[in-house]
C-alpha atoms as a PDB file:
ATOM      1  CA  MET A   1       9.784 -17.892  14.787  1.00  0.00           C
ATOM      2  CA  ASN A   2       9.652 -15.844  11.617  1.00  0.00           C
ATOM      3  CA  LYS A   3      13.153 -14.406  11.174  1.00  0.00           C
ATOM      4  CA  ASN A   4      11.655 -11.108  10.029  1.00  0.00           C
ATOM      5  CA  ILE A   5       9.748 -10.465  13.265  1.00  0.00           C
ATOM      6  CA  PHE A   6      11.296  -7.550  15.145  1.00  0.00           C
ATOM      7  CA  ASP A   7      11.549  -8.328  18.866  1.00  0.00           C
ATOM      8  CA  GLY A   8      14.181  -5.815  20.028  1.00  0.00           C
ATOM      9  CA  ASN A   9      13.857  -2.721  22.208  1.00  0.00           C
ATOM     10  CA  LYS A  10      16.088  -0.367  20.231  1.00  0.00           C
ATOM     11  CA  LEU A  11      16.192   0.732  16.604  1.00  0.00           C
ATOM     12  CA  ILE A  12      18.472   3.142  14.737  1.00  0.00           C
ATOM     13  CA  ILE A  13      17.304   5.318  11.862  1.00  0.00           C
ATOM     14  CA  ALA A  14      20.062   5.269   9.257  1.00  0.00           C
ATOM     15  CA  SER A  15      19.810   8.919   8.322  1.00  0.00           C
ATOM     16  CA  HIS A  16      21.174  12.391   9.084  1.00  0.00           C
ATOM     17  CA  ASN A  17      18.220  14.146   7.422  1.00  0.00           C
ATOM     18  CA  LYS A  18      16.386  15.918  10.263  1.00  0.00           C
ATOM     19  CA  GLY A  19      13.081  16.098   8.399  1.00  0.00           C
ATOM     20  CA  LYS A  20      13.169  12.431   7.497  1.00  0.00           C
ATOM     21  CA  ILE A  21      14.199  11.400  11.029  1.00  0.00           C
ATOM     22  CA  LYS A  22      11.298  13.389  12.486  1.00  0.00           C
ATOM     23  CA  GLU A  23       8.751  11.732  10.203  1.00  0.00           C
ATOM     24  CA  ILE A  24      10.106   8.231  10.774  1.00  0.00           C
ATOM     25  CA  LYS A  25      10.132   8.692  14.566  1.00  0.00           C
ATOM     26  CA  ILE A  26       6.461   9.671  14.430  1.00  0.00           C
ATOM     27  CA  LEU A  27       5.633   6.577  12.378  1.00  0.00           C
ATOM     28  CA  LEU A  28       7.600   4.405  14.835  1.00  0.00           C
ATOM     29  CA  GLU A  29       5.879   5.779  17.946  1.00  0.00           C
ATOM     30  CA  PRO A  30       3.435   2.825  18.226  1.00  0.00           C
ATOM     31  CA  LEU A  31       6.390   0.466  18.733  1.00  0.00           C
ATOM     32  CA  LYS A  32       7.166   1.901  22.185  1.00  0.00           C
ATOM     33  CA  ILE A  33      10.896   1.332  21.720  1.00  0.00           C
ATOM     34  CA  GLU A  34      13.970   3.529  21.898  1.00  0.00           C
ATOM     35  CA  VAL A  35      14.574   5.125  18.505  1.00  0.00           C
ATOM     36  CA  LEU A  36      17.956   6.666  17.727  1.00  0.00           C
ATOM     37  CA  SER A  37      19.586   7.933  14.550  1.00  0.00           C
ATOM     38  CA  ALA A  38      22.945   7.532  12.841  1.00  0.00           C
ATOM     39  CA  HIS A  39      23.704  11.074  13.982  1.00  0.00           C
ATOM     40  CA  ASP A  40      23.695   9.876  17.607  1.00  0.00           C
ATOM     41  CA  PHE A  41      26.609   7.562  16.794  1.00  0.00           C
ATOM     42  CA  ASN A  42      28.601  10.084  14.738  1.00  0.00           C
ATOM     43  CA  LEU A  43      28.478   7.727  11.781  1.00  0.00           C
ATOM     44  CA  LYS A  44      29.415   9.018   8.367  1.00  0.00           C
ATOM     45  CA  GLU A  45      26.931   8.537   5.566  1.00  0.00           C
ATOM     46  CA  PRO A  46      27.833   5.564   3.339  1.00  0.00           C
ATOM     47  CA  ILE A  47      28.236   6.030  -0.396  1.00  0.00           C
ATOM     48  CA  GLU A  48      24.838   5.433  -1.984  1.00  0.00           C
ATOM     49  CA  ASN A  49      25.886   3.859  -5.269  1.00  0.00           C
ATOM     50  CA  GLY A  50      22.850   1.653  -5.798  1.00  0.00           C
ATOM     51  CA  SER A  51      20.795   1.788  -8.989  1.00  0.00           C
ATOM     52  CA  SER A  52      17.420   1.884  -7.219  1.00  0.00           C
ATOM     53  CA  PHE A  53      15.730   3.240  -4.103  1.00  0.00           C
ATOM     54  CA  GLU A  54      15.683  -0.288  -2.677  1.00  0.00           C
ATOM     55  CA  GLU A  55      19.416  -0.830  -3.165  1.00  0.00           C
ATOM     56  CA  ASN A  56      20.324   2.505  -1.581  1.00  0.00           C
ATOM     57  CA  ALA A  57      18.042   1.870   1.399  1.00  0.00           C
ATOM     58  CA  LEU A  58      19.723  -1.482   2.043  1.00  0.00           C
ATOM     59  CA  ILE A  59      23.197   0.085   1.745  1.00  0.00           C
ATOM     60  CA  LYS A  60      22.337   2.503   4.553  1.00  0.00           C
ATOM     61  CA  SER A  61      20.555   0.106   6.909  1.00  0.00           C
ATOM     62  CA  SER A  62      23.232  -2.569   6.476  1.00  0.00           C
ATOM     63  CA  TYR A  63      26.059  -0.125   7.148  1.00  0.00           C
ATOM     64  CA  VAL A  64      24.497   1.268  10.327  1.00  0.00           C
ATOM     65  CA  SER A  65      23.383  -2.078  11.774  1.00  0.00           C
ATOM     66  CA  LYS A  66      26.801  -3.648  11.219  1.00  0.00           C
ATOM     67  CA  SER A  67      28.589  -0.569  12.593  1.00  0.00           C
ATOM     68  CA  THR A  68      26.541  -0.446  15.802  1.00  0.00           C
ATOM     69  CA  GLY A  69      25.404  -4.024  16.396  1.00  0.00           C
ATOM     70  CA  ILE A  70      21.835  -2.719  16.631  1.00  0.00           C
ATOM     71  CA  PRO A  71      18.989  -3.229  14.127  1.00  0.00           C
ATOM     72  CA  SER A  72      18.657  -0.295  11.762  1.00  0.00           C
ATOM     73  CA  ILE A  73      15.933   1.071   9.555  1.00  0.00           C
ATOM     74  CA  SER A  74      16.624   3.221   6.525  1.00  0.00           C
ATOM     75  CA  ASP A  75      14.529   5.152   4.065  1.00  0.00           C
ATOM     76  CA  ASP A  76      15.542   6.030   0.544  1.00  0.00           C
ATOM     77  CA  SER A  77      12.971   8.186  -1.117  1.00  0.00           C
ATOM     78  CA  GLY A  78      12.564  10.687  -3.882  1.00  0.00           C
ATOM     79  CA  ILE A  79      10.322  12.302  -6.432  1.00  0.00           C
ATOM     80  CA  CYS A  80      10.042  11.264 -10.073  1.00  0.00           C
ATOM     81  CA  PHE A  81       8.599  13.231 -12.992  1.00  0.00           C
ATOM     82  CA  SER A  82       7.335  11.383 -16.044  1.00  0.00           C
ATOM     83  CA  ASP A  83       8.135  14.409 -18.231  1.00  0.00           C
ATOM     84  CA  LEU A  84      11.779  14.219 -17.097  1.00  0.00           C
ATOM     85  CA  ASN A  85      12.289  10.473 -17.642  1.00  0.00           C
ATOM     86  CA  ASN A  86      11.503   9.917 -13.953  1.00  0.00           C
ATOM     87  CA  GLU A  87      14.236  12.256 -12.773  1.00  0.00           C
ATOM     88  CA  PRO A  88      15.429  13.284 -10.266  1.00  0.00           C
ATOM     89  CA  GLY A  89      14.496   9.865  -8.837  1.00  0.00           C
ATOM     90  CA  ILE A  90      17.258   8.333  -6.744  1.00  0.00           C
ATOM     91  CA  TYR A  91      19.204  11.562  -7.183  1.00  0.00           C
ATOM     92  CA  SER A  92      16.500  13.714  -5.563  1.00  0.00           C
ATOM     93  CA  ALA A  93      18.723  14.745  -2.651  1.00  0.00           C
ATOM     94  CA  ARG A  94      21.676  15.401  -4.943  1.00  0.00           C
ATOM     95  CA  TRP A  95      19.647  17.838  -7.013  1.00  0.00           C
ATOM     96  CA  ALA A  96      19.538  19.946  -3.837  1.00  0.00           C
ATOM     97  CA  GLY A  97      23.348  20.086  -3.716  1.00  0.00           C
ATOM     98  CA  ASN A  98      25.721  19.750  -0.794  1.00  0.00           C
ATOM     99  CA  ASP A  99      23.829  22.449   1.090  1.00  0.00           C
ATOM    100  CA  LYS A 100      20.539  20.546   0.700  1.00  0.00           C
ATOM    101  CA  ASN A 101      18.957  23.600  -0.886  1.00  0.00           C
ATOM    102  CA  PHE A 102      15.584  22.235  -1.931  1.00  0.00           C
ATOM    103  CA  LYS A 103      14.364  25.654  -3.031  1.00  0.00           C
ATOM    104  CA  LEU A 104      17.080  25.511  -5.656  1.00  0.00           C
ATOM    105  CA  ALA A 105      16.161  21.923  -6.537  1.00  0.00           C
ATOM    106  CA  MET A 106      12.479  22.793  -6.955  1.00  0.00           C
ATOM    107  CA  SER A 107      13.381  25.725  -9.199  1.00  0.00           C
ATOM    108  CA  LYS A 108      15.567  23.395 -11.258  1.00  0.00           C
ATOM    109  CA  ILE A 109      12.601  21.071 -11.765  1.00  0.00           C
ATOM    110  CA  ASN A 110      10.356  23.968 -12.741  1.00  0.00           C
ATOM    111  CA  ASP A 111      12.932  25.215 -15.237  1.00  0.00           C
ATOM    112  CA  SER A 112      13.293  21.731 -16.693  1.00  0.00           C
ATOM    113  CA  LEU A 113       9.534  21.313 -17.101  1.00  0.00           C
ATOM    114  CA  LYS A 114       9.293  24.668 -18.893  1.00  0.00           C
ATOM    115  CA  LYS A 115      11.402  23.180 -21.672  1.00  0.00           C
ATOM    116  CA  ILE A 116       8.948  20.315 -22.217  1.00  0.00           C
ATOM    117  CA  LYS A 117       6.317  20.734 -24.932  1.00  0.00           C
ATOM    118  CA  LYS A 118       2.869  20.010 -23.483  1.00  0.00           C
ATOM    119  CA  PRO A 119       4.054  18.511 -20.169  1.00  0.00           C
ATOM    120  CA  SER A 120       1.715  16.202 -18.264  1.00  0.00           C
ATOM    121  CA  TYR A 121       3.095  17.322 -14.881  1.00  0.00           C
ATOM    122  CA  ASN A 122       2.593  13.751 -13.662  1.00  0.00           C
ATOM    123  CA  CYS A 123       4.897  12.764 -10.834  1.00  0.00           C
ATOM    124  CA  PHE A 124       5.164  10.343  -7.956  1.00  0.00           C
ATOM    125  CA  PHE A 125       6.946   9.957  -4.656  1.00  0.00           C
ATOM    126  CA  VAL A 126       8.647   6.661  -3.824  1.00  0.00           C
ATOM    127  CA  CYS A 127       9.804   5.441  -0.434  1.00  0.00           C
ATOM    128  CA  ALA A 128      11.890   2.282  -0.021  1.00  0.00           C
ATOM    129  CA  LEU A 129      12.347   1.046   3.543  1.00  0.00           C
ATOM    130  CA  SER A 130      15.002  -1.405   4.651  1.00  0.00           C
ATOM    131  CA  LEU A 131      15.171  -2.971   8.097  1.00  0.00           C
ATOM    132  CA  CYS A 132      18.468  -4.729   8.679  1.00  0.00           C
ATOM    133  CA  TRP A 133      19.789  -6.789  11.567  1.00  0.00           C
ATOM    134  CA  PRO A 134      23.507  -6.978  12.519  1.00  0.00           C
ATOM    135  CA  ASN A 135      23.651 -10.558  11.216  1.00  0.00           C
ATOM    136  CA  GLY A 136      22.749  -9.338   7.736  1.00  0.00           C
ATOM    137  CA  ASN A 137      19.139 -10.468   7.748  1.00  0.00           C
ATOM    138  CA  ASN A 138      16.957  -7.784   6.193  1.00  0.00           C
ATOM    139  CA  ILE A 139      13.490  -6.993   4.954  1.00  0.00           C
ATOM    140  CA  ASN A 140      12.713  -4.429   2.255  1.00  0.00           C
ATOM    141  CA  VAL A 141       9.407  -2.835   1.266  1.00  0.00           C
ATOM    142  CA  SER A 142       8.335   0.221  -0.711  1.00  0.00           C
ATOM    143  CA  GLY A 143       5.442   2.646  -1.072  1.00  0.00           C
ATOM    144  CA  LYS A 144       4.393   4.959  -3.894  1.00  0.00           C
ATOM    145  CA  VAL A 145       1.941   7.825  -4.207  1.00  0.00           C
ATOM    146  CA  ASN A 146       1.004   9.517  -7.482  1.00  0.00           C
ATOM    147  CA  GLY A 147       0.472  13.220  -7.912  1.00  0.00           C
ATOM    148  CA  LYS A 148       0.856  16.382  -9.970  1.00  0.00           C
ATOM    149  CA  PHE A 149       3.495  19.074 -10.051  1.00  0.00           C
ATOM    150  CA  SER A 150       2.327  22.279  -8.348  1.00  0.00           C
ATOM    151  CA  TRP A 151       3.933  25.662  -8.900  1.00  0.00           C
ATOM    152  CA  PRO A 152       4.770  27.907  -7.152  1.00  0.00           C
ATOM    153  CA  PRO A 153       5.736  25.939  -4.010  1.00  0.00           C
ATOM    154  CA  LYS A 154       3.012  26.021  -1.372  1.00  0.00           C
ATOM    155  CA  GLY A 155       3.019  25.247   2.340  1.00  0.00           C
ATOM    156  CA  ASN A 156       5.453  25.222   5.225  1.00  0.00           C
ATOM    157  CA  TYR A 157       4.884  21.684   6.484  1.00  0.00           C
ATOM    158  CA  GLY A 158       7.000  18.688   5.602  1.00  0.00           C
ATOM    159  CA  PHE A 159      10.388  18.980   3.934  1.00  0.00           C
ATOM    160  CA  GLY A 160      12.191  18.490   0.653  1.00  0.00           C
ATOM    161  CA  TYR A 161       9.922  18.544  -2.391  1.00  0.00           C
ATOM    162  CA  ASP A 162       6.658  18.514  -0.421  1.00  0.00           C
ATOM    163  CA  PRO A 163       5.664  22.095  -1.435  1.00  0.00           C
ATOM    164  CA  ILE A 164       5.507  21.181  -5.159  1.00  0.00           C
ATOM    165  CA  PHE A 165       3.788  17.799  -4.897  1.00  0.00           C
ATOM    166  CA  ARG A 166      -0.005  17.595  -4.924  1.00  0.00           C
ATOM    167  CA  PRO A 167      -1.237  14.018  -4.455  1.00  0.00           C
ATOM    168  CA  LEU A 168      -4.014  12.937  -6.792  1.00  0.00           C
ATOM    169  CA  GLU A 169      -7.559  13.581  -5.571  1.00  0.00           C
ATOM    170  CA  TYR A 170      -6.375  16.324  -3.210  1.00  0.00           C
ATOM    171  CA  ASP A 171      -6.267  20.082  -3.682  1.00  0.00           C
ATOM    172  CA  LYS A 172      -3.316  20.684  -1.346  1.00  0.00           C
ATOM    173  CA  THR A 173       0.375  19.946  -1.633  1.00  0.00           C
ATOM    174  CA  PHE A 174       2.153  17.790   0.919  1.00  0.00           C
ATOM    175  CA  GLY A 175       3.662  21.051   2.150  1.00  0.00           C
ATOM    176  CA  GLU A 176       0.192  22.392   2.964  1.00  0.00           C
ATOM    177  CA  MET A 177      -1.019  19.265   4.748  1.00  0.00           C
ATOM    178  CA  LYS A 178      -0.741  18.930   8.490  1.00  0.00           C
ATOM    179  CA  PRO A 179       1.764  16.197   9.396  1.00  0.00           C
ATOM    180  CA  GLU A 180      -0.778  13.858  10.963  1.00  0.00           C
ATOM    181  CA  PHE A 181      -2.819  13.845   7.745  1.00  0.00           C
ATOM    182  CA  LYS A 182       0.148  13.547   5.418  1.00  0.00           C
ATOM    183  CA  HIS A 183       1.389  10.590   7.483  1.00  0.00           C
ATOM    184  CA  SER A 184      -1.868   8.782   6.714  1.00  0.00           C
ATOM    185  CA  ILE A 185      -1.542   8.966   2.903  1.00  0.00           C
ATOM    186  CA  SER A 186       2.135   9.450   2.057  1.00  0.00           C
ATOM    187  CA  HIS A 187       4.502   7.096   0.262  1.00  0.00           C
ATOM    188  CA  ARG A 188       6.381   6.699   3.538  1.00  0.00           C
ATOM    189  CA  ALA A 189       3.194   5.803   5.408  1.00  0.00           C
ATOM    190  CA  LEU A 190       2.293   3.180   2.781  1.00  0.00           C
ATOM    191  CA  ALA A 191       5.765   1.634   3.049  1.00  0.00           C
ATOM    192  CA  PHE A 192       5.543   1.563   6.847  1.00  0.00           C
ATOM    193  CA  LYS A 193       2.191  -0.213   6.730  1.00  0.00           C
ATOM    194  CA  LYS A 194       3.805  -2.966   4.670  1.00  0.00           C
ATOM    195  CA  LEU A 195       6.767  -3.169   7.039  1.00  0.00           C
ATOM    196  CA  ILE A 196       4.507  -3.409  10.087  1.00  0.00           C
ATOM    197  CA  ASN A 197       2.512  -6.219   8.478  1.00  0.00           C
ATOM    198  CA  VAL A 198       5.726  -8.231   8.080  1.00  0.00           C
ATOM    199  CA  CYS A 199       7.879  -7.294  11.068  1.00  0.00           C
ATOM    200  CA  PHE A 200       5.447  -6.034  13.711  1.00  0.00           C
ATOM    201  CA  PRO A 201       2.300  -8.188  13.362  1.00  0.00           C
ATOM    202  CA  SER A 202       1.110  -7.318  16.870  1.00  0.00           C
ATOM    203  CA  LEU A 203       0.564  -3.727  15.687  1.00  0.00           C
ATOM    204  CA  LYS A 204      -1.553  -4.565  12.660  1.00  0.00           C
ATOM    205  CA  SER A 205      -4.906  -2.788  12.770  1.00  0.00           C
END
């Protein structure tokens, strides 16, 4: 059997981010398995000292799966602006500070872009997913969606930087899109499609 095929009945989301956990649980609904989060086990967040989204995702999934003895899935994602040398990138959450104040983070991005002469406003969201088993076996995939910076922030759906990101070919920000639609085009949705193709072949459409 392919070692990457998931055949368990329980999976832990390696995150304490409520918005991210909610989105991932929705994307995992077709699996018909019990989905928990690191919060349910009172696990501390590991130090994310990787140099890429993929490395940080693996750090989280590996830590949780080894700590609990249960397979774990993690998501490391962020927004990158070409005018800002692809920042905030892997530091997207840190730009929001310890209080996770994304209104402050979005204002910081807007202020930074104001200093750029003739900005392109090009940006993209990246999502790296890592599924790790307690024995250390893991599979890693990623998804990316391109867009434009939108100011002022618009919409009350989603979380994080969604209100300032307008995906290409759409006239609404992620924050204005209903969850079920966003889940069909987002960076996270694209990454999950790849993961399902590898680890959950019975669910492939």
